Amino acid sequence: MFRTIATNPFVHKVLLTIAGYAVQELSKEVVRTLHNKIAELSKDILLEDDKDDSNNGYEKDGNINFK
């Protein structure tokens, strides 16, 4: 019975379609998670940069402060 189900082209196509949808949803979740982590790290980097440079790269006289 299992051999009949496994060799049936219709069942094979249905199983591949289900697997394809599962991989697609999983990849969407991975991309979403990576996007959120990158945004979180970027925010942390920007906040850390603001702490290190209170004058935002400019001297009091308006000249650019190159580090």
PDB file of N, CA and C in Angstrom:
ATOM      1  N   MET A   1       0.818  -1.189   0.000  1.00  0.00           N
ATOM      2  CA  MET A   1       0.000   0.000   0.000  1.00  0.00           C
ATOM      3  C   MET A   1       0.869   1.263   0.000  1.00  0.00           C
ATOM      4  N   PHE A   2       1.898   1.300   0.847  1.00  0.00           N
ATOM      5  CA  PHE A   2       2.769   2.478   0.902  1.00  0.00           C
ATOM      6  C   PHE A   2       3.453   2.713  -0.442  1.00  0.00           C
ATOM      7  N   ARG A   3       3.874   1.635  -1.081  1.00  0.00           N
ATOM      8  CA  ARG A   3       4.537   1.756  -2.387  1.00  0.00           C
ATOM      9  C   ARG A   3       3.577   2.352  -3.422  1.00  0.00           C
ATOM     10  N   THR A   4       2.319   1.984  -3.358  1.00  0.00           N
ATOM     11  CA  THR A   4       1.324   2.526  -4.289  1.00  0.00           C
ATOM     12  C   THR A   4       1.136   4.022  -4.059  1.00  0.00           C
ATOM     13  N   ILE A   5       1.069   4.439  -2.798  1.00  0.00           N
ATOM     14  CA  ILE A   5       0.913   5.863  -2.481  1.00  0.00           C
ATOM     15  C   ILE A   5       2.168   6.630  -2.882  1.00  0.00           C
ATOM     16  N   ALA A   6       3.333   6.079  -2.582  1.00  0.00           N
ATOM     17  CA  ALA A   6       4.592   6.772  -2.854  1.00  0.00           C
ATOM     18  C   ALA A   6       4.858   6.918  -4.347  1.00  0.00           C
ATOM     19  N   THR A   7       4.405   5.979  -5.153  1.00  0.00           N
ATOM     20  CA  THR A   7       4.671   6.047  -6.592  1.00  0.00           C
ATOM     21  C   THR A   7       3.550   6.730  -7.370  1.00  0.00           C
ATOM     22  N   ASN A   8       2.468   7.073  -6.707  1.00  0.00           N
ATOM     23  CA  ASN A   8       1.363   7.759  -7.369  1.00  0.00           C
ATOM     24  C   ASN A   8       1.803   9.193  -7.703  1.00  0.00           C
ATOM     25  N   PRO A   9       1.805   9.583  -8.978  1.00  0.00           N
ATOM     26  CA  PRO A   9       2.287  10.918  -9.364  1.00  0.00           C
ATOM     27  C   PRO A   9       1.472  12.055  -8.740  1.00  0.00           C
ATOM     28  N   PHE A  10       0.173  11.860  -8.582  1.00  0.00           N
ATOM     29  CA  PHE A  10      -0.660  12.902  -7.979  1.00  0.00           C
ATOM     30  C   PHE A  10      -0.270  13.128  -6.521  1.00  0.00           C
ATOM     31  N   VAL A  11      -0.125  12.032  -5.771  1.00  0.00           N
ATOM     32  CA  VAL A  11       0.263  12.136  -4.359  1.00  0.00           C
ATOM     33  C   VAL A  11       1.653  12.755  -4.252  1.00  0.00           C
ATOM     34  N   HIS A  12       2.533  12.346  -5.137  1.00  0.00           N
ATOM     35  CA  HIS A  12       3.895  12.884  -5.148  1.00  0.00           C
ATOM     36  C   HIS A  12       3.866  14.401  -5.358  1.00  0.00           C
ATOM     37  N   LYS A  13       3.053  14.855  -6.305  1.00  0.00           N
ATOM     38  CA  LYS A  13       2.947  16.293  -6.590  1.00  0.00           C
ATOM     39  C   LYS A  13       2.344  17.042  -5.402  1.00  0.00           C
ATOM     40  N   VAL A  14       1.323  16.466  -4.781  1.00  0.00           N
ATOM     41  CA  VAL A  14       0.703  17.104  -3.610  1.00  0.00           C
ATOM     42  C   VAL A  14       1.716  17.233  -2.475  1.00  0.00           C
ATOM     43  N   LEU A  15       2.471  16.173  -2.223  1.00  0.00           N
ATOM     44  CA  LEU A  15       3.473  16.222  -1.151  1.00  0.00           C
ATOM     45  C   LEU A  15       4.561  17.250  -1.448  1.00  0.00           C
ATOM     46  N   LEU A  16       4.998  17.331  -2.706  1.00  0.00           N
ATOM     47  CA  LEU A  16       5.999  18.337  -3.072  1.00  0.00           C
ATOM     48  C   LEU A  16       5.442  19.753  -2.923  1.00  0.00           C
ATOM     49  N   THR A  17       4.181  19.937  -3.266  1.00  0.00           N
ATOM     50  CA  THR A  17       3.547  21.252  -3.121  1.00  0.00           C
ATOM     51  C   THR A  17       3.467  21.654  -1.652  1.00  0.00           C
ATOM     52  N   ILE A  18       3.061  20.728  -0.809  1.00  0.00           N
ATOM     53  CA  ILE A  18       2.991  21.002   0.629  1.00  0.00           C
ATOM     54  C   ILE A  18       4.382  21.327   1.169  1.00  0.00           C
ATOM     55  N   ALA A  19       5.375  20.559   0.761  1.00  0.00           N
ATOM     56  CA  ALA A  19       6.746  20.823   1.203  1.00  0.00           C
ATOM     57  C   ALA A  19       7.220  22.186   0.711  1.00  0.00           C
ATOM     58  N   GLY A  20       6.857  22.548  -0.510  1.00  0.00           N
ATOM     59  CA  GLY A  20       7.231  23.855  -1.053  1.00  0.00           C
ATOM     60  C   GLY A  20       6.633  24.994  -0.254  1.00  0.00           C
ATOM     61  N   TYR A  21       5.352  24.881   0.093  1.00  0.00           N
ATOM     62  CA  TYR A  21       4.713  25.910   0.912  1.00  0.00           C
ATOM     63  C   TYR A  21       5.367  25.995   2.291  1.00  0.00           C
ATOM     64  N   ALA A  22       5.708  24.848   2.861  1.00  0.00           N
ATOM     65  CA  ALA A  22       6.344  24.842   4.177  1.00  0.00           C
ATOM     66  C   ALA A  22       7.694  25.554   4.130  1.00  0.00           C
ATOM     67  N   VAL A  23       8.483  25.274   3.105  1.00  0.00           N
ATOM     68  CA  VAL A  23       9.786  25.933   2.954  1.00  0.00           C
ATOM     69  C   VAL A  23       9.599  27.427   2.727  1.00  0.00           C
ATOM     70  N   GLN A  24       8.609  27.807   1.949  1.00  0.00           N
ATOM     71  CA  GLN A  24       8.346  29.222   1.676  1.00  0.00           C
ATOM     72  C   GLN A  24       7.979  29.959   2.967  1.00  0.00           C
ATOM     73  N   GLU A  25       7.112  29.381   3.770  1.00  0.00           N
ATOM     74  CA  GLU A  25       6.717  30.017   5.029  1.00  0.00           C
ATOM     75  C   GLU A  25       7.892  30.089   5.994  1.00  0.00           C
ATOM     76  N   LEU A  26       8.686  29.036   6.035  1.00  0.00           N
ATOM     77  CA  LEU A  26       9.858  29.033   6.902  1.00  0.00           C
ATOM     78  C   LEU A  26      10.849  30.106   6.479  1.00  0.00           C
ATOM     79  N   SER A  27      11.068  30.256   5.185  1.00  0.00           N
ATOM     80  CA  SER A  27      12.011  31.267   4.712  1.00  0.00           C
ATOM     81  C   SER A  27      11.484  32.672   4.997  1.00  0.00           C
ATOM     82  N   LYS A  28      10.173  32.879   4.902  1.00  0.00           N
ATOM     83  CA  LYS A  28       9.596  34.181   5.261  1.00  0.00           C
ATOM     84  C   LYS A  28       9.871  34.497   6.727  1.00  0.00           C
ATOM     85  N   GLU A  29       9.710  33.495   7.578  1.00  0.00           N
ATOM     86  CA  GLU A  29       9.941  33.698   9.013  1.00  0.00           C
ATOM     87  C   GLU A  29      11.414  33.986   9.292  1.00  0.00           C
ATOM     88  N   VAL A  30      12.300  33.293   8.595  1.00  0.00           N
ATOM     89  CA  VAL A  30      13.736  33.535   8.765  1.00  0.00           C
ATOM     90  C   VAL A  30      14.088  34.955   8.335  1.00  0.00           C
ATOM     91  N   VAL A  31      13.573  35.389   7.194  1.00  0.00           N
ATOM     92  CA  VAL A  31      13.846  36.745   6.704  1.00  0.00           C
ATOM     93  C   VAL A  31      13.283  37.773   7.677  1.00  0.00           C
ATOM     94  N   ARG A  32      12.086  37.547   8.179  1.00  0.00           N
ATOM     95  CA  ARG A  32      11.471  38.469   9.135  1.00  0.00           C
ATOM     96  C   ARG A  32      12.315  38.569  10.405  1.00  0.00           C
ATOM     97  N   THR A  33      12.776  37.429  10.909  1.00  0.00           N
ATOM     98  CA  THR A  33      13.598  37.421  12.115  1.00  0.00           C
ATOM     99  C   THR A  33      14.922  38.135  11.879  1.00  0.00           C
ATOM    100  N   LEU A  34      15.569  37.853  10.746  1.00  0.00           N
ATOM    101  CA  LEU A  34      16.833  38.527  10.437  1.00  0.00           C
ATOM    102  C   LEU A  34      16.632  40.028  10.285  1.00  0.00           C
ATOM    103  N   HIS A  35      15.561  40.436   9.634  1.00  0.00           N
ATOM    104  CA  HIS A  35      15.275  41.861   9.458  1.00  0.00           C
ATOM    105  C   HIS A  35      15.107  42.539  10.819  1.00  0.00           C
ATOM    106  N   ASN A  36      14.376  41.906  11.727  1.00  0.00           N
ATOM    107  CA  ASN A  36      14.174  42.476  13.059  1.00  0.00           C
ATOM    108  C   ASN A  36      15.477  42.559  13.836  1.00  0.00           C
ATOM    109  N   LYS A  37      16.315  41.528  13.738  1.00  0.00           N
ATOM    110  CA  LYS A  37      17.602  41.541  14.442  1.00  0.00           C
ATOM    111  C   LYS A  37      18.512  42.630  13.892  1.00  0.00           C
ATOM    112  N   ILE A  38      18.548  42.782  12.565  1.00  0.00           N
ATOM    113  CA  ILE A  38      19.384  43.821  11.954  1.00  0.00           C
ATOM    114  C   ILE A  38      18.894  45.201  12.388  1.00  0.00           C
ATOM    115  N   ALA A  39      17.589  45.408  12.405  1.00  0.00           N
ATOM    116  CA  ALA A  39      17.038  46.697  12.837  1.00  0.00           C
ATOM    117  C   ALA A  39      17.379  46.970  14.294  1.00  0.00           C
ATOM    118  N   GLU A  40      17.293  45.940  15.126  1.00  0.00           N
ATOM    119  CA  GLU A  40      17.614  46.092  16.543  1.00  0.00           C
ATOM    120  C   GLU A  40      19.091  46.437  16.731  1.00  0.00           C
ATOM    121  N   LEU A  41      19.963  45.734  16.016  1.00  0.00           N
ATOM    122  CA  LEU A  41      21.395  46.011  16.125  1.00  0.00           C
ATOM    123  C   LEU A  41      21.734  47.391  15.577  1.00  0.00           C
ATOM    124  N   SER A  42      21.084  47.789  14.491  1.00  0.00           N
ATOM    125  CA  SER A  42      21.326  49.112  13.924  1.00  0.00           C
ATOM    126  C   SER A  42      20.920  50.193  14.908  1.00  0.00           C
ATOM    127  N   LYS A  43      19.786  49.990  15.575  1.00  0.00           N
ATOM    128  CA  LYS A  43      19.333  50.965  16.560  1.00  0.00           C
ATOM    129  C   LYS A  43      20.339  51.053  17.707  1.00  0.00           C
ATOM    130  N   ASP A  44      20.841  49.897  18.169  1.00  0.00           N
ATOM    131  CA  ASP A  44      21.831  49.884  19.243  1.00  0.00           C
ATOM    132  C   ASP A  44      23.106  50.603  18.824  1.00  0.00           C
ATOM    133  N   ILE A  45      23.531  50.390  17.577  1.00  0.00           N
ATOM    134  CA  ILE A  45      24.749  51.042  17.085  1.00  0.00           C
ATOM    135  C   ILE A  45      24.543  52.549  17.025  1.00  0.00           C
ATOM    136  N   LEU A  46      23.391  52.981  16.524  1.00  0.00           N
ATOM    137  CA  LEU A  46      23.115  54.417  16.447  1.00  0.00           C
ATOM    138  C   LEU A  46      23.036  55.041  17.831  1.00  0.00           C
ATOM    139  N   LEU A  47      22.409  54.354  18.780  1.00  0.00           N
ATOM    140  CA  LEU A  47      22.332  54.879  20.140  1.00  0.00           C
ATOM    141  C   LEU A  47      23.714  54.951  20.770  1.00  0.00           C
ATOM    142  N   GLU A  48      24.532  53.935  20.542  1.00  0.00           N
ATOM    143  CA  GLU A  48      25.898  53.916  21.075  1.00  0.00           C
ATOM    144  C   GLU A  48      26.717  55.035  20.446  1.00  0.00           C
ATOM    145  N   ASP A  49      26.524  55.278  19.162  1.00  0.00           N
ATOM    146  CA  ASP A  49      27.247  56.339  18.470  1.00  0.00           C
ATOM    147  C   ASP A  49      26.864  57.704  19.033  1.00  0.00           C
ATOM    148  N   ASP A  50      25.585  57.896  19.341  1.00  0.00           N
ATOM    149  CA  ASP A  50      25.144  59.169  19.917  1.00  0.00           C
ATOM    150  C   ASP A  50      25.746  59.394  21.296  1.00  0.00           C
ATOM    151  N   LYS A  51      25.919  58.322  22.073  1.00  0.00           N
ATOM    152  CA  LYS A  51      26.521  58.465  23.399  1.00  0.00           C
ATOM    153  C   LYS A  51      27.984  58.875  23.293  1.00  0.00           C
ATOM    154  N   ASP A  52      28.695  58.322  22.312  1.00  0.00           N
ATOM    155  CA  ASP A  52      30.124  58.586  22.178  1.00  0.00           C
ATOM    156  C   ASP A  52      30.418  59.992  21.684  1.00  0.00           C
ATOM    157  N   ASP A  53      29.522  60.592  20.960  1.00  0.00           N
ATOM    158  CA  ASP A  53      29.792  61.862  20.305  1.00  0.00           C
ATOM    159  C   ASP A  53      28.651  62.828  20.599  1.00  0.00           C
ATOM    160  N   SER A  54      28.757  63.522  21.713  1.00  0.00           N
ATOM    161  CA  SER A  54      27.656  64.376  22.140  1.00  0.00           C
ATOM    162  C   SER A  54      27.467  65.586  21.241  1.00  0.00           C
ATOM    163  N   ASN A  55      28.513  65.988  20.507  1.00  0.00           N
ATOM    164  CA  ASN A  55      28.364  67.155  19.635  1.00  0.00           C
ATOM    165  C   ASN A  55      28.088  66.762  18.188  1.00  0.00           C
ATOM    166  N   ASN A  56      27.810  65.487  17.944  1.00  0.00           N
ATOM    167  CA  ASN A  56      27.419  64.985  16.621  1.00  0.00           C
ATOM    168  C   ASN A  56      28.424  65.293  15.525  1.00  0.00           C
ATOM    169  N   GLY A  57      29.705  65.314  15.859  1.00  0.00           N
ATOM    170  CA  GLY A  57      30.729  65.482  14.836  1.00  0.00           C
ATOM    171  C   GLY A  57      31.103  66.915  14.542  1.00  0.00           C
ATOM    172  N   TYR A  58      30.503  67.856  15.239  1.00  0.00           N
ATOM    173  CA  TYR A  58      30.820  69.264  15.000  1.00  0.00           C
ATOM    174  C   TYR A  58      31.466  69.876  16.239  1.00  0.00           C
ATOM    175  N   GLU A  59      32.446  70.712  16.014  1.00  0.00           N
ATOM    176  CA  GLU A  59      33.039  71.484  17.105  1.00  0.00           C
ATOM    177  C   GLU A  59      32.087  72.619  17.464  1.00  0.00           C
ATOM    178  N   LYS A  60      32.338  73.273  18.571  1.00  0.00           N
ATOM    179  CA  LYS A  60      31.457  74.363  18.992  1.00  0.00           C
ATOM    180  C   LYS A  60      31.456  75.518  17.996  1.00  0.00           C
ATOM    181  N   ASP A  61      32.559  75.673  17.242  1.00  0.00           N
ATOM    182  CA  ASP A  61      32.611  76.768  16.273  1.00  0.00           C
ATOM    183  C   ASP A  61      31.962  76.396  14.936  1.00  0.00           C
ATOM    184  N   GLY A  62      31.411  75.184  14.810  1.00  0.00           N
ATOM    185  CA  GLY A  62      30.716  74.783  13.598  1.00  0.00           C
ATOM    186  C   GLY A  62      31.564  73.988  12.630  1.00  0.00           C
ATOM    187  N   ASN A  63      32.854  73.833  12.905  1.00  0.00           N
ATOM    188  CA  ASN A  63      33.719  73.047  12.029  1.00  0.00           C
ATOM    189  C   ASN A  63      33.492  71.562  12.274  1.00  0.00           C
ATOM    190  N   ILE A  64      33.691  70.770  11.236  1.00  0.00           N
ATOM    191  CA  ILE A  64      33.503  69.323  11.343  1.00  0.00           C
ATOM    192  C   ILE A  64      34.656  68.731  12.138  1.00  0.00           C
ATOM    193  N   ASN A  65      34.319  67.843  13.061  1.00  0.00           N
ATOM    194  CA  ASN A  65      35.304  67.181  13.907  1.00  0.00           C
ATOM    195  C   ASN A  65      35.570  65.791  13.334  1.00  0.00           C
ATOM    196  N   PHE A  66      36.686  65.600  12.625  1.00  0.00           N
ATOM    197  CA  PHE A  66      37.042  64.293  12.078  1.00  0.00           C
ATOM    198  C   PHE A  66      37.780  63.504  13.141  1.00  0.00           C
ATOM    199  N   LYS A  67      37.344  62.273  13.354  1.00  0.00           N
ATOM    200  CA  LYS A  67      37.999  61.441  14.370  1.00  0.00           C
ATOM    201  C   LYS A  67      39.018  60.550  13.735  1.00  0.00           C
TER     202      LYS A  67
END
